[in-house]
Amino acid sequence: MFIFYQLNDWIQDFSRLFWGLFYRARYGFVFIKVGKKLHIIPPFLISPFIFPSKSQLKITLGNYVYFNKGVILQGSGHLSIGDWSKIGAYSIIGCNQKITIGRAVIMASGVSIRDTDHVFLDRNKYIDSQGISTDPVIIEDDVWIGSNVTITKGVTIGKGAIIGANAVVTHNVIPFSVVGGVPATIIKMRP
């Protein structure tokens, strides 16, 4: 079951740091800490996953964070986005454990970042009933992520890296490298 919470047009700009935007769902919460000058182009969705036990989607946004239209934040973990980062249109961030996005990260449109996979080890059970496995995702400062990139669980993208359009990142990316392809491999190093 998903509970959708849409931020309206009037949430365009915050002048001071604040605590206290709570959204109480049937079994879970959304908690958002927002820095200065948040810019959102609607529509914008937050959809916390609701599990049998109480869960909480916790979002921490730095100063001057920019969300383009159609961004979806979902899950029950802790999402942290650093100062001056930009999230491209129609990107999806699925966080059930922890996703950390550093400062001055640029994401193009259609990026998918997920720290979760379905468990599928038992052939005698439906995949949907076997649960999930999670591993944190870390995107360090000054990273450029191209259009339609997919970043999977357990990945760390090093400082200053560039991820080419349509890449699928399944392994760690070293700092200041340029990667692309499926799965993503090093194309060159930044000078």
Foldseek 3Di string as FASTA:
>chain_A
DKDKDWDDPVPAFDAAWDWDDWDDDPQEIETETEHGGEGEDDGEIEIEDHDPHYFYEYEYEEHNEYEYYQEYEYYREYEYAYACEYAEHNEYEYDHHYEYHEYNEYEYPQEYEYQKDFDDPDPVDDSVPRGMDGAYEYEYPQEYEYANEYEYHPEYEAACEYEDHNEYDDYYHYHQFYWYDDPIDTPGGHD
